[in-house]
Protein backbone atom coordinates (compact mmCIF):
# COMPACT_ATOMS: atom_id res chain seq x y z
CA MET A 1 -38.98 -7.99 33.26
CA THR A 2 -38.10 -4.40 34.56
CA ASP A 3 -39.06 -5.55 37.93
CA PHE A 4 -36.74 -8.78 37.51
CA ILE A 5 -34.25 -6.65 36.69
CA ILE A 6 -34.84 -4.13 39.86
CA ASN A 7 -34.92 -6.47 42.25
CA SER A 8 -31.83 -8.63 41.11
CA VAL A 9 -30.01 -5.61 41.36
CA LEU A 10 -31.38 -4.42 44.89
CA LYS A 11 -30.57 -8.32 46.24
CA ASP A 12 -27.17 -8.56 44.81
CA ARG A 13 -25.50 -5.21 45.79
CA PHE A 14 -22.19 -6.93 46.00
CA MET A 15 -22.21 -8.18 42.55
CA VAL A 16 -23.70 -5.16 41.03
CA LEU A 17 -20.04 -2.98 42.86
CA LEU A 18 -18.30 -5.66 41.86
CA GLY A 19 -19.11 -5.20 38.09
CA ALA A 20 -19.29 -1.40 38.21
CA ILE A 21 -15.52 -2.09 39.95
CA ILE A 22 -14.47 -3.95 36.78
CA LEU A 23 -15.60 -1.96 34.04
CA ALA A 24 -14.13 1.32 36.18
CA ILE A 25 -10.77 -0.16 36.43
CA GLY A 26 -11.25 -1.30 32.41
CA GLY A 27 -12.58 2.11 31.44
CA ILE A 28 -9.02 3.27 33.17
CA TRP A 29 -7.08 0.51 31.26
CA SER A 30 -8.40 1.59 27.89
CA PHE A 31 -7.91 5.30 28.35
CA LYS A 32 -4.13 4.53 29.45
CA ASN A 33 -3.40 2.41 26.70
CA MET A 34 -5.38 4.13 23.84
CA PRO A 35 -2.91 5.18 21.18
CA LEU A 36 -2.82 9.01 20.70
CA ASP A 37 -2.11 11.21 17.32
CA ALA A 38 -1.36 14.66 18.66
CA ILE A 39 -0.57 16.31 15.40
CA PRO A 40 -3.07 15.38 12.69
CA ASP A 41 -2.53 15.43 9.26
CA LEU A 42 -4.58 18.18 7.61
CA SER A 43 -3.31 18.54 4.25
CA ASP A 44 -4.89 17.88 1.42
CA VAL A 45 -5.29 14.58 -0.21
CA GLN A 46 -2.53 14.56 -2.76
CA VAL A 47 -2.76 11.64 -6.12
CA ILE A 48 0.71 11.11 -7.56
CA ILE A 49 0.22 9.68 -11.08
CA PHE A 50 3.83 8.29 -12.47
CA THR A 51 4.31 6.66 -15.77
CA ASP A 52 7.30 5.72 -17.79
CA TYR A 53 7.21 6.32 -21.88
CA ALA A 54 10.93 4.81 -22.36
CA ASP A 55 12.91 7.13 -24.91
CA GLN A 56 10.50 9.55 -25.85
CA SER A 57 11.33 13.28 -25.70
CA PRO A 58 9.67 15.46 -23.52
CA GLN A 59 7.52 17.72 -25.70
CA VAL A 60 6.41 13.70 -27.37
CA VAL A 61 5.50 12.80 -23.36
CA GLU A 62 3.86 16.12 -22.89
CA ASN A 63 1.62 15.53 -26.14
CA GLN A 64 0.62 12.06 -25.45
CA VAL A 65 0.76 11.27 -21.89
CA THR A 66 0.87 14.27 -19.57
CA TYR A 67 -1.30 17.16 -21.36
CA PRO A 68 -4.19 14.23 -21.65
CA LEU A 69 -3.82 13.21 -18.09
CA THR A 70 -4.29 16.74 -16.77
CA THR A 71 -7.16 17.38 -18.72
CA ALA A 72 -8.80 14.03 -17.42
CA MET A 73 -8.13 15.07 -14.08
CA LEU A 74 -9.38 18.40 -14.10
CA ALA A 75 -12.86 16.44 -14.23
CA VAL A 76 -12.82 15.61 -11.26
CA PRO A 77 -14.69 16.84 -8.78
CA HIS A 78 -13.45 19.12 -6.18
CA ALA A 79 -9.83 18.98 -7.69
CA LYS A 80 -8.59 22.58 -6.30
CA VAL A 81 -5.10 21.82 -8.15
CA VAL A 82 -3.67 19.94 -11.44
CA ARG A 83 0.05 19.86 -12.14
CA GLY A 84 1.76 17.91 -14.87
CA TYR A 85 5.41 17.32 -15.76
CA SER A 86 7.13 15.65 -18.32
CA PHE A 87 10.75 14.62 -18.28
CA PHE A 88 12.53 12.59 -20.87
CA GLY A 89 10.55 9.30 -20.89
CA LEU A 90 8.65 9.63 -17.60
CA SER A 91 5.70 11.98 -16.70
CA PHE A 92 4.13 13.13 -13.20
């Protein structure tokens, strides 16, 4: 099989040269049209959990939603910072 490939390449030098030129042109075209992200996003992954607990005071939202959620999120592997905020009827 290898002998066949070598012999056919030696016999048809024009086709090999034409194929190499086509591949080079395709590579140059791909390189010029490749999208480039010049400034990568190096920030940590953030997850925002928004809960709506309508018509409740911040203390009730803190005790029943925000605190249990933040303590559960502390158990996530590789978690660096967990913050919780409570407002009137809202928890972040």
